[in-house]
Amino acid sequence: MAGLLRPRRGQWYRDDSDQYFEVVAVDEDEALIEIQYFDGAVEEVDFDSWNQLGIVESAAPEDWSGPFDDLERDDFGDTELIRHSSNLDDELDNMD
C-alpha cells in the first residue's frame, strides 16, 4: 500500500474537484474517517473510498469562517476600534 495518503486528524486536504476538507476523526476499529468540508458539511468515508478520492494534503484555508457563512461582523468578537488617548502621560500626571 505504498503511496497511499493516510488520513490524519486535524489535517486539511483537497480532493480532485477542488473541495477543501479537514479530517476531524479517524476510527481505525470501524475503518471510518469523518471529514468536514470547508462549507461545514460533515461526511463519513470508509478507508477504501478514501483511497479513491484523489486527494492531496493542503494548508488550512486562510478564511476559517467557511462553515459559518451566516456570521455577522460582530460575531467575530470585539471589532470596535480601541481608542487611546494621545496624551497618556498627561492623564497619568493628573491621577491622585
Protein backbone atom coordinates (compact mmCIF):
# COMPACT_ATOMS: atom_id res chain seq x y z
CA MET A 1 0.00 0.00 0.00
CA ALA A 2 2.90 2.35 -0.57
CA GLY A 3 1.95 5.71 -1.97
CA LEU A 4 -1.47 5.91 -0.32
CA LEU A 5 -2.19 9.01 1.70
CA ARG A 6 -3.03 8.18 5.32
CA PRO A 7 -5.73 10.33 6.91
CA ARG A 8 -4.52 12.44 9.85
CA ARG A 9 -6.91 14.13 12.26
CA GLY A 10 -6.63 17.91 12.02
CA GLN A 11 -5.01 17.82 8.56
CA TRP A 12 -6.63 19.66 5.65
CA TYR A 13 -6.92 18.06 2.21
CA ARG A 14 -8.21 18.98 -1.24
CA ASP A 15 -9.99 16.48 -3.48
CA ASP A 16 -9.88 16.27 -7.27
CA SER A 17 -12.91 18.60 -7.54
CA ASP A 18 -11.05 21.31 -5.53
CA GLN A 19 -13.18 20.90 -2.40
CA TYR A 20 -11.28 21.55 0.81
CA PHE A 21 -11.95 19.43 3.88
CA GLU A 22 -10.43 18.58 7.24
CA VAL A 23 -10.20 15.14 8.83
CA VAL A 24 -11.99 15.51 12.15
CA ALA A 25 -11.89 11.85 13.29
CA VAL A 26 -10.34 8.54 12.30
CA ASP A 27 -11.90 5.34 13.67
CA GLU A 28 -9.45 2.51 12.99
CA ASP A 29 -11.77 -0.12 14.51
CA GLU A 30 -14.70 0.78 12.24
CA ALA A 31 -12.41 1.73 9.29
CA LEU A 32 -14.16 5.13 9.01
CA ILE A 33 -12.89 8.65 8.51
CA GLU A 34 -15.05 11.63 9.42
CA ILE A 35 -14.38 14.70 7.30
CA GLN A 36 -15.75 18.23 7.40
CA TYR A 37 -15.82 20.26 4.22
CA PHE A 38 -14.97 23.95 4.23
CA ASP A 39 -18.68 24.81 3.91
CA GLY A 40 -19.43 22.88 7.14
CA ALA A 41 -20.87 19.68 5.67
CA VAL A 42 -19.76 16.55 7.54
CA GLU A 43 -19.35 13.17 5.91
CA GLU A 44 -18.08 9.72 6.86
CA VAL A 45 -15.86 7.91 4.40
CA ASP A 46 -14.62 4.34 4.66
CA PHE A 47 -10.95 3.58 4.15
CA ASP A 48 -11.49 2.07 0.69
CA SER A 49 -13.36 5.17 -0.53
CA TRP A 50 -10.68 7.43 0.99
CA ASN A 51 -8.07 5.83 -1.25
CA GLN A 52 -10.20 6.59 -4.33
CA LEU A 53 -10.90 10.28 -3.59
CA GLY A 54 -7.84 11.58 -5.43
CA ILE A 55 -6.80 13.85 -2.57
CA VAL A 56 -3.71 15.84 -1.73
CA GLU A 57 -2.66 17.41 1.55
CA SER A 58 -3.40 21.11 1.76
CA ALA A 59 -2.82 24.01 4.11
CA ALA A 60 -5.78 25.17 6.16
CA PRO A 61 -7.79 27.85 4.37
CA GLU A 62 -6.92 31.40 5.44
CA ASP A 63 -10.61 32.21 5.88
CA TRP A 64 -11.59 29.92 8.78
CA SER A 65 -15.20 31.17 8.71
CA GLY A 66 -16.27 28.97 5.77
CA PRO A 67 -18.61 26.71 7.77
CA PHE A 68 -20.08 29.75 9.47
CA ASP A 69 -21.42 31.63 6.45
CA ASP A 70 -24.20 33.24 8.48
CA LEU A 71 -21.87 35.14 10.82
CA GLU A 72 -22.04 38.89 11.09
CA ARG A 73 -19.01 41.10 11.71
CA ASP A 74 -19.96 41.45 15.38
CA ASP A 75 -19.89 37.65 15.80
CA PHE A 76 -16.10 37.67 15.41
CA GLY A 77 -15.63 39.28 18.82
CA ASP A 78 -14.83 42.84 19.75
CA THR A 79 -14.39 44.57 16.41
CA GLU A 80 -14.65 48.11 17.73
CA LEU A 81 -11.52 50.19 17.50
CA ILE A 82 -9.91 50.79 20.84
CA ARG A 83 -9.41 54.48 21.36
CA HIS A 84 -6.28 55.51 23.20
CA SER A 85 -5.60 58.94 24.50
CA SER A 86 -2.87 60.68 22.59
CA ASN A 87 -1.65 62.21 25.85
CA LEU A 88 -1.43 59.20 28.12
CA ASP A 89 1.40 60.76 30.15
CA ASP A 90 -0.75 63.81 30.91
CA GLU A 91 -3.58 61.60 32.17
CA LEU A 92 -1.20 59.71 34.47
CA ASP A 93 0.09 63.01 35.89
CA ASN A 94 -3.47 64.00 36.80
CA MET A 95 -4.24 60.84 38.77
CA ASP A 96 -4.41 61.10 42.56
